[in-house]
PDB file of N, CA and C in Angstrom:
ATOM      1  N   UNK A   1       8.710 -52.486  56.814  1.00  0.00           N
ATOM      2  CA  UNK A   1       9.193 -52.238  56.247  1.00  0.00           C
ATOM      3  C   UNK A   1       8.728 -50.252  55.977  1.00  0.00           C
ATOM      4  N   UNK A   2       9.240 -49.104  56.477  1.00  0.00           N
ATOM      5  CA  UNK A   2       8.896 -48.142  56.134  1.00  0.00           C
ATOM      6  C   UNK A   2       9.056 -47.625  54.803  1.00  0.00           C
ATOM      7  N   UNK A   3       8.419 -46.276  53.683  1.00  0.00           N
ATOM      8  CA  UNK A   3       8.099 -46.123  52.914  1.00  0.00           C
ATOM      9  C   UNK A   3       8.799 -44.951  53.833  1.00  0.00           C
ATOM     10  N   UNK A   4       9.996 -44.157  52.632  1.00  0.00           N
ATOM     11  CA  UNK A   4      10.255 -42.295  52.609  1.00  0.00           C
ATOM     12  C   UNK A   4       9.949 -41.519  51.813  1.00  0.00           C
ATOM     13  N   UNK A   5       9.536 -40.879  51.750  1.00  0.00           N
ATOM     14  CA  UNK A   5       9.289 -39.553  51.170  1.00  0.00           C
ATOM     15  C   UNK A   5      10.061 -39.069  49.915  1.00  0.00           C
ATOM     16  N   UNK A   6      10.250 -39.053  48.786  1.00  0.00           N
ATOM     17  CA  UNK A   6      11.540 -37.791  48.338  1.00  0.00           C
ATOM     18  C   UNK A   6      10.871 -36.398  49.361  1.00  0.00           C
ATOM     19  N   UNK A   7      12.241 -35.760  49.314  1.00  0.00           N
ATOM     20  CA  UNK A   7      12.242 -34.737  49.460  1.00  0.00           C
ATOM     21  C   UNK A   7      12.275 -33.334  48.577  1.00  0.00           C
ATOM     22  N   UNK A   8      11.246 -32.552  48.719  1.00  0.00           N
ATOM     23  CA  UNK A   8      11.009 -32.058  47.475  1.00  0.00           C
ATOM     24  C   UNK A   8      12.526 -30.961  47.773  1.00  0.00           C
ATOM     25  N   UNK A   9      12.748 -30.370  46.613  1.00  0.00           N
ATOM     26  CA  UNK A   9      14.215 -29.361  46.668  1.00  0.00           C
ATOM     27  C   UNK A   9      13.379 -27.588  47.283  1.00  0.00           C
ATOM     28  N   UNK A  10      13.775 -26.952  47.952  1.00  0.00           N
ATOM     29  CA  UNK A  10      13.095 -26.129  48.073  1.00  0.00           C
ATOM     30  C   UNK A  10      13.847 -25.377  47.452  1.00  0.00           C
ATOM     31  N   UNK A  11      12.278 -23.824  47.094  1.00  0.00           N
ATOM     32  CA  UNK A  11      12.278 -22.620  46.044  1.00  0.00           C
ATOM     33  C   UNK A  11      12.437 -21.915  46.949  1.00  0.00           C
ATOM     34  N   UNK A  12      13.121 -20.727  46.761  1.00  0.00           N
ATOM     35  CA  UNK A  12      12.760 -19.087  47.294  1.00  0.00           C
ATOM     36  C   UNK A  12      11.796 -18.814  46.476  1.00  0.00           C
ATOM     37  N   UNK A  13      10.231 -18.332  47.685  1.00  0.00           N
ATOM     38  CA  UNK A  13       9.234 -18.146  47.579  1.00  0.00           C
ATOM     39  C   UNK A  13       9.127 -16.429  46.902  1.00  0.00           C
ATOM     40  N   UNK A  14       9.135 -15.756  46.079  1.00  0.00           N
ATOM     41  CA  UNK A  14       9.413 -13.860  46.094  1.00  0.00           C
ATOM     42  C   UNK A  14       8.379 -13.259  47.111  1.00  0.00           C
ATOM     43  N   UNK A  15       8.652 -13.015  48.154  1.00  0.00           N
ATOM     44  CA  UNK A  15       8.115 -11.618  48.861  1.00  0.00           C
ATOM     45  C   UNK A  15       7.337 -11.091  48.388  1.00  0.00           C
ATOM     46  N   UNK A  16       5.882 -11.060  48.293  1.00  0.00           N
ATOM     47  CA  UNK A  16       5.046 -10.121  47.879  1.00  0.00           C
ATOM     48  C   UNK A  16       5.329  -9.008  48.782  1.00  0.00           C
ATOM     49  N   UNK A  17       4.839  -7.605  47.969  1.00  0.00           N
ATOM     50  CA  UNK A  17       5.216  -6.443  48.351  1.00  0.00           C
ATOM     51  C   UNK A  17       4.526  -6.090  49.183  1.00  0.00           C
ATOM     52  N   UNK A  18       3.615  -5.419  49.971  1.00  0.00           N
ATOM     53  CA  UNK A  18       2.306  -4.501  50.684  1.00  0.00           C
ATOM     54  C   UNK A  18       1.702  -3.764  49.730  1.00  0.00           C
ATOM     55  N   UNK A  19       1.230  -3.482  49.632  1.00  0.00           N
ATOM     56  CA  UNK A  19      -0.147  -3.645  48.092  1.00  0.00           C
ATOM     57  C   UNK A  19      -0.327  -1.360  48.044  1.00  0.00           C
ATOM     58  N   UNK A  20       0.570  -1.098  49.749  1.00  0.00           N
ATOM     59  CA  UNK A  20       0.764   0.360  49.322  1.00  0.00           C
ATOM     60  C   UNK A  20       1.388   0.667  48.627  1.00  0.00           C
ATOM     61  N   UNK A  21       2.743  -0.608  48.543  1.00  0.00           N
ATOM     62  CA  UNK A  21       3.390   0.061  48.001  1.00  0.00           C
ATOM     63  C   UNK A  21       3.564   0.761  46.552  1.00  0.00           C
ATOM     64  N   UNK A  22       2.927  -0.535  46.156  1.00  0.00           N
ATOM     65  CA  UNK A  22       2.402  -0.193  44.782  1.00  0.00           C
ATOM     66  C   UNK A  22       1.455   0.312  44.031  1.00  0.00           C
ATOM     67  N   UNK A  23       0.727   1.243  44.933  1.00  0.00           N
ATOM     68  CA  UNK A  23      -0.509   2.480  44.660  1.00  0.00           C
ATOM     69  C   UNK A  23       0.820   3.632  45.154  1.00  0.00           C
ATOM     70  N   UNK A  24       1.316   3.849  45.996  1.00  0.00           N
ATOM     71  CA  UNK A  24       2.965   4.968  45.987  1.00  0.00           C
ATOM     72  C   UNK A  24       3.540   4.856  44.652  1.00  0.00           C
ATOM     73  N   UNK A  25       4.176   3.472  44.362  1.00  0.00           N
ATOM     74  CA  UNK A  25       4.798   3.475  43.114  1.00  0.00           C
ATOM     75  C   UNK A  25       4.070   4.285  41.445  1.00  0.00           C
ATOM     76  N   UNK A  26       2.676   3.781  41.370  1.00  0.00           N
ATOM     77  CA  UNK A  26       2.099   4.025  40.386  1.00  0.00           C
ATOM     78  C   UNK A  26       1.799   6.149  40.110  1.00  0.00           C
ATOM     79  N   UNK A  27       1.260   6.330  41.827  1.00  0.00           N
ATOM     80  CA  UNK A  27       1.306   7.667  42.102  1.00  0.00           C
ATOM     81  C   UNK A  27       3.106   8.524  42.130  1.00  0.00           C
ATOM     82  N   UNK A  28       3.496   8.192  42.458  1.00  0.00           N
ATOM     83  CA  UNK A  28       5.194   8.584  41.901  1.00  0.00           C
ATOM     84  C   UNK A  28       5.171   8.520  40.190  1.00  0.00           C
ATOM     85  N   UNK A  29       5.139   7.976  39.714  1.00  0.00           N
ATOM     86  CA  UNK A  29       4.490   7.588  38.288  1.00  0.00           C
ATOM     87  C   UNK A  29       4.259   8.772  37.363  1.00  0.00           C
ATOM     88  N   UNK A  30       2.866   8.983  38.353  1.00  0.00           N
ATOM     89  CA  UNK A  30       1.863   9.273  37.189  1.00  0.00           C
ATOM     90  C   UNK A  30       2.010  10.416  36.454  1.00  0.00           C
ATOM     91  N   UNK A  31       1.960  10.880  35.421  1.00  0.00           N
ATOM     92  CA  UNK A  31       2.508  12.333  34.931  1.00  0.00           C
ATOM     93  C   UNK A  31       4.178  12.368  33.290  1.00  0.00           C
ATOM     94  N   UNK A  32       4.287  11.384  34.079  1.00  0.00           N
ATOM     95  CA  UNK A  32       5.610  11.097  33.386  1.00  0.00           C
ATOM     96  C   UNK A  32       5.125  10.251  32.429  1.00  0.00           C
ATOM     97  N   UNK A  33       6.653  10.097  31.758  1.00  0.00           N
ATOM     98  CA  UNK A  33       6.565   8.994  30.172  1.00  0.00           C
ATOM     99  C   UNK A  33       7.942   8.140  30.353  1.00  0.00           C
ATOM    100  N   UNK A  34       7.774   7.113  29.899  1.00  0.00           N
ATOM    101  CA  UNK A  34       8.899   6.139  29.600  1.00  0.00           C
ATOM    102  C   UNK A  34       9.327   5.354  28.719  1.00  0.00           C
ATOM    103  N   UNK A  35      10.160   4.993  28.749  1.00  0.00           N
ATOM    104  CA  UNK A  35       9.924   4.070  27.140  1.00  0.00           C
ATOM    105  C   UNK A  35      10.018   2.507  27.465  1.00  0.00           C
ATOM    106  N   UNK A  36       9.475   2.084  26.449  1.00  0.00           N
ATOM    107  CA  UNK A  36       9.373   0.398  26.668  1.00  0.00           C
ATOM    108  C   UNK A  36       9.731  -0.497  25.376  1.00  0.00           C
ATOM    109  N   UNK A  37       9.765  -1.328  25.645  1.00  0.00           N
ATOM    110  CA  UNK A  37      10.640  -2.180  24.853  1.00  0.00           C
ATOM    111  C   UNK A  37       8.953  -2.691  24.164  1.00  0.00           C
ATOM    112  N   UNK A  38       9.579  -2.453  23.146  1.00  0.00           N
ATOM    113  CA  UNK A  38       7.965  -3.868  22.406  1.00  0.00           C
ATOM    114  C   UNK A  38       8.488  -5.366  22.348  1.00  0.00           C
ATOM    115  N   UNK A  39       9.862  -5.235  21.562  1.00  0.00           N
ATOM    116  CA  UNK A  39      10.424  -7.191  21.878  1.00  0.00           C
ATOM    117  C   UNK A  39      10.737  -7.134  22.907  1.00  0.00           C
ATOM    118  N   UNK A  40      10.685  -7.079  24.313  1.00  0.00           N
ATOM    119  CA  UNK A  40      11.274  -7.306  26.007  1.00  0.00           C
ATOM    120  C   UNK A  40      13.207  -8.203  25.277  1.00  0.00           C
ATOM    121  N   UNK A  41      14.351  -7.748  25.772  1.00  0.00           N
ATOM    122  CA  UNK A  41      15.082  -7.896  26.127  1.00  0.00           C
ATOM    123  C   UNK A  41      16.197  -7.173  24.399  1.00  0.00           C
ATOM    124  N   UNK A  42      15.501  -6.353  23.726  1.00  0.00           N
ATOM    125  CA  UNK A  42      15.139  -6.617  21.711  1.00  0.00           C
ATOM    126  C   UNK A  42      15.890  -5.067  21.932  1.00  0.00           C
ATOM    127  N   UNK A  43      16.303  -4.317  20.913  1.00  0.00           N
ATOM    128  CA  UNK A  43      17.749  -3.198  20.751  1.00  0.00           C
ATOM    129  C   UNK A  43      17.207  -2.494  21.572  1.00  0.00           C
ATOM    130  N   UNK A  44      17.820  -0.943  21.546  1.00  0.00           N
ATOM    131  CA  UNK A  44      17.071  -0.076  22.139  1.00  0.00           C
ATOM    132  C   UNK A  44      16.827   0.692  20.661  1.00  0.00           C
ATOM    133  N   UNK A  45      16.830   0.153  19.403  1.00  0.00           N
ATOM    134  CA  UNK A  45      16.489   0.926  17.988  1.00  0.00           C
ATOM    135  C   UNK A  45      15.109   1.567  18.304  1.00  0.00           C
ATOM    136  N   UNK A  46      14.801   2.686  17.249  1.00  0.00           N
ATOM    137  CA  UNK A  46      13.594   3.402  17.250  1.00  0.00           C
ATOM    138  C   UNK A  46      12.567   2.088  16.939  1.00  0.00           C
ATOM    139  N   UNK A  47      12.376   1.082  16.658  1.00  0.00           N
ATOM    140  CA  UNK A  47      11.607   0.282  16.107  1.00  0.00           C
ATOM    141  C   UNK A  47      11.226  -0.593  16.890  1.00  0.00           C
ATOM    142  N   UNK A  48      11.845  -0.360  17.725  1.00  0.00           N
ATOM    143  CA  UNK A  48      11.297  -0.971  18.978  1.00  0.00           C
ATOM    144  C   UNK A  48      11.617  -0.565  20.076  1.00  0.00           C
ATOM    145  N   UNK A  49      11.356   1.002  20.285  1.00  0.00           N
ATOM    146  CA  UNK A  49      11.024   1.044  21.785  1.00  0.00           C
ATOM    147  C   UNK A  49       9.532   2.219  21.700  1.00  0.00           C
ATOM    148  N   UNK A  50       8.857   2.484  22.684  1.00  0.00           N
ATOM    149  CA  UNK A  50       7.607   3.068  22.242  1.00  0.00           C
ATOM    150  C   UNK A  50       7.637   3.887  23.278  1.00  0.00           C
ATOM    151  N   UNK A  51       6.942   5.465  23.345  1.00  0.00           N
ATOM    152  CA  UNK A  51       7.431   6.435  24.735  1.00  0.00           C
ATOM    153  C   UNK A  51       5.752   6.735  25.138  1.00  0.00           C
ATOM    154  N   UNK A  52       5.021   5.547  26.544  1.00  0.00           N
ATOM    155  CA  UNK A  52       4.452   6.128  26.265  1.00  0.00           C
ATOM    156  C   UNK A  52       4.092   6.427  28.455  1.00  0.00           C
ATOM    157  N   UNK A  53       3.275   6.581  28.693  1.00  0.00           N
ATOM    158  CA  UNK A  53       2.783   7.077  30.280  1.00  0.00           C
ATOM    159  C   UNK A  53       3.696   6.085  30.832  1.00  0.00           C
ATOM    160  N   UNK A  54       4.551   6.274  32.480  1.00  0.00           N
ATOM    161  CA  UNK A  54       4.535   5.446  33.032  1.00  0.00           C
ATOM    162  C   UNK A  54       4.313   4.632  33.930  1.00  0.00           C
ATOM    163  N   UNK A  55       2.147   5.578  34.170  1.00  0.00           N
ATOM    164  CA  UNK A  55       2.024   4.477  34.688  1.00  0.00           C
ATOM    165  C   UNK A  55       1.684   3.982  34.208  1.00  0.00           C
ATOM    166  N   UNK A  56       0.518   3.404  32.760  1.00  0.00           N
ATOM    167  CA  UNK A  56       0.001   2.468  32.031  1.00  0.00           C
ATOM    168  C   UNK A  56       1.577   1.926  31.589  1.00  0.00           C
ATOM    169  N   UNK A  57       1.936   1.656  31.400  1.00  0.00           N
ATOM    170  CA  UNK A  57       3.472   1.036  31.210  1.00  0.00           C
ATOM    171  C   UNK A  57       3.891   0.074  32.684  1.00  0.00           C
ATOM    172  N   UNK A  58       3.542   0.739  33.909  1.00  0.00           N
ATOM    173  CA  UNK A  58       4.020   0.275  34.640  1.00  0.00           C
ATOM    174  C   UNK A  58       3.068  -1.493  35.154  1.00  0.00           C
ATOM    175  N   UNK A  59       1.392  -1.144  34.541  1.00  0.00           N
ATOM    176  CA  UNK A  59       0.234  -1.266  34.373  1.00  0.00           C
ATOM    177  C   UNK A  59       0.419  -2.132  33.606  1.00  0.00           C
ATOM    178  N   UNK A  60       0.580  -1.990  32.523  1.00  0.00           N
ATOM    179  CA  UNK A  60       1.172  -3.074  31.652  1.00  0.00           C
ATOM    180  C   UNK A  60       1.509  -4.601  32.129  1.00  0.00           C
ATOM    181  N   UNK A  61       3.106  -4.230  32.250  1.00  0.00           N
ATOM    182  CA  UNK A  61       3.485  -5.418  32.976  1.00  0.00           C
ATOM    183  C   UNK A  61       3.196  -6.389  34.747  1.00  0.00           C
ATOM    184  N   UNK A  62       2.687  -4.894  35.271  1.00  0.00           N
ATOM    185  CA  UNK A  62       1.655  -6.217  36.393  1.00  0.00           C
ATOM    186  C   UNK A  62       0.374  -7.138  36.095  1.00  0.00           C
ATOM    187  N   UNK A  63       0.039  -6.479  34.709  1.00  0.00           N
ATOM    188  CA  UNK A  63      -0.928  -7.693  33.233  1.00  0.00           C
ATOM    189  C   UNK A  63      -0.104  -8.296  32.756  1.00  0.00           C
ATOM    190  N   UNK A  64       0.840  -8.200  32.399  1.00  0.00           N
ATOM    191  CA  UNK A  64       0.698  -8.973  31.292  1.00  0.00           C
ATOM    192  C   UNK A  64       2.247  -9.393  31.519  1.00  0.00           C
ATOM    193  N   UNK A  65       3.247  -8.925  32.083  1.00  0.00           N
ATOM    194  CA  UNK A  65       4.780  -9.530  32.689  1.00  0.00           C
ATOM    195  C   UNK A  65       4.874  -8.959  31.204  1.00  0.00           C
ATOM    196  N   UNK A  66       6.079  -9.355  30.586  1.00  0.00           N
ATOM    197  CA  UNK A  66       7.246  -8.919  29.624  1.00  0.00           C
ATOM    198  C   UNK A  66       6.913  -9.633  28.713  1.00  0.00           C
ATOM    199  N   UNK A  67       5.505 -10.260  28.614  1.00  0.00           N
ATOM    200  CA  UNK A  67       4.667 -10.851  27.193  1.00  0.00           C
ATOM    201  C   UNK A  67       4.947  -9.847  26.157  1.00  0.00           C
ATOM    202  N   UNK A  68       5.123 -10.369  25.004  1.00  0.00           N
ATOM    203  CA  UNK A  68       5.314  -9.456  23.742  1.00  0.00           C
ATOM    204  C   UNK A  68       3.564  -8.304  23.082  1.00  0.00           C
ATOM    205  N   UNK A  69       3.547  -7.795  22.399  1.00  0.00           N
ATOM    206  CA  UNK A  69       2.281  -7.377  22.211  1.00  0.00           C
ATOM    207  C   UNK A  69       1.617  -8.997  21.571  1.00  0.00           C
ATOM    208  N   UNK A  70       2.007  -9.568  20.495  1.00  0.00           N
ATOM    209  CA  UNK A  70       1.215 -10.826  19.626  1.00  0.00           C
ATOM    210  C   UNK A  70       1.545 -11.538  20.809  1.00  0.00           C
ATOM    211  N   UNK A  71       2.057 -11.396  22.145  1.00  0.00           N
ATOM    212  CA  UNK A  71       1.560 -12.087  23.351  1.00  0.00           C
ATOM    213  C   UNK A  71      -0.165 -12.159  23.627  1.00  0.00           C
ATOM    214  N   UNK A  72       0.250 -11.133  23.978  1.00  0.00           N
ATOM    215  CA  UNK A  72      -1.188 -10.787  24.377  1.00  0.00           C
ATOM    216  C   UNK A  72      -1.916 -10.356  24.045  1.00  0.00           C
ATOM    217  N   UNK A  73      -2.634 -10.378  22.643  1.00  0.00           N
ATOM    218  CA  UNK A  73      -3.401 -10.377  22.036  1.00  0.00           C
ATOM    219  C   UNK A  73      -3.807 -11.447  21.733  1.00  0.00           C
ATOM    220  N   UNK A  74      -2.678 -12.778  21.804  1.00  0.00           N
ATOM    221  CA  UNK A  74      -3.205 -14.125  21.502  1.00  0.00           C
ATOM    222  C   UNK A  74      -4.033 -14.005  22.820  1.00  0.00           C
ATOM    223  N   UNK A  75      -3.607 -14.312  24.399  1.00  0.00           N
ATOM    224  CA  UNK A  75      -4.014 -14.529  25.658  1.00  0.00           C
ATOM    225  C   UNK A  75      -5.663 -13.785  25.421  1.00  0.00           C
ATOM    226  N   UNK A  76      -6.001 -12.568  24.881  1.00  0.00           N
ATOM    227  CA  UNK A  76      -7.011 -11.620  25.233  1.00  0.00           C
ATOM    228  C   UNK A  76      -8.246 -12.752  24.020  1.00  0.00           C
ATOM    229  N   UNK A  77      -7.407 -12.858  23.076  1.00  0.00           N
ATOM    230  CA  UNK A  77      -8.188 -13.701  21.998  1.00  0.00           C
ATOM    231  C   UNK A  77      -8.701 -15.439  23.241  1.00  0.00           C
ATOM    232  N   UNK A  78      -7.493 -15.535  23.457  1.00  0.00           N
ATOM    233  CA  UNK A  78      -8.071 -16.369  24.506  1.00  0.00           C
ATOM    234  C   UNK A  78      -9.585 -16.831  24.766  1.00  0.00           C
ATOM    235  N   UNK A  79      -9.361 -16.014  26.094  1.00  0.00           N
ATOM    236  CA  UNK A  79      -9.550 -15.242  27.123  1.00  0.00           C
ATOM    237  C   UNK A  79     -11.341 -14.905  26.867  1.00  0.00           C
ATOM    238  N   UNK A  80     -11.456 -14.472  25.525  1.00  0.00           N
ATOM    239  CA  UNK A  80     -13.431 -14.254  24.947  1.00  0.00           C
ATOM    240  C   UNK A  80     -13.465 -15.883  24.581  1.00  0.00           C
ATOM    241  N   UNK A  81     -12.500 -16.266  23.944  1.00  0.00           N
ATOM    242  CA  UNK A  81     -13.390 -17.654  23.992  1.00  0.00           C
ATOM    243  C   UNK A  81     -13.865 -18.171  24.846  1.00  0.00           C
ATOM    244  N   UNK A  82     -12.899 -18.600  25.081  1.00  0.00           N
ATOM    245  CA  UNK A  82     -13.742 -19.249  26.440  1.00  0.00           C
ATOM    246  C   UNK A  82     -15.152 -18.031  27.691  1.00  0.00           C
ATOM    247  N   UNK A  83     -14.530 -17.310  27.635  1.00  0.00           N
ATOM    248  CA  UNK A  83     -15.795 -16.106  27.824  1.00  0.00           C
ATOM    249  C   UNK A  83     -17.146 -16.656  27.490  1.00  0.00           C
ATOM    250  N   UNK A  84     -16.024 -16.412  25.659  1.00  0.00           N
ATOM    251  CA  UNK A  84     -17.987 -17.294  24.712  1.00  0.00           C
ATOM    252  C   UNK A  84     -18.963 -18.832  25.207  1.00  0.00           C
ATOM    253  N   UNK A  85     -17.548 -19.366  25.547  1.00  0.00           N
ATOM    254  CA  UNK A  85     -18.567 -20.890  26.032  1.00  0.00           C
ATOM    255  C   UNK A  85     -18.934 -20.562  26.923  1.00  0.00           C
ATOM    256  N   UNK A  86     -18.800 -19.550  28.531  1.00  0.00           N
ATOM    257  CA  UNK A  86     -19.261 -20.554  29.658  1.00  0.00           C
ATOM    258  C   UNK A  86     -20.733 -19.664  29.416  1.00  0.00           C
ATOM    259  N   UNK A  87     -21.112 -18.864  28.416  1.00  0.00           N
ATOM    260  CA  UNK A  87     -22.333 -18.055  28.414  1.00  0.00           C
ATOM    261  C   UNK A  87     -23.504 -18.765  28.301  1.00  0.00           C
TER     262      UNK A  87
END
């Protein structure tokens, strides 16, 4: 009797855009400002919006996704602890 493997569900993979697309996008936003939500999905009140350089905004999301400031700080502290153990 032969064993049958269970089939995995097919998941849609995100197709990555070429690097030149991202470089062009970054150049397009350089020198502009836009609104950055401090709490992802939060309201548009003054306490939740930060006006920042558009290029920094794009790069923030490339590095940290939609993490909150507190989550980013925790991540960086964890990385620092890990690096300290490696030395």
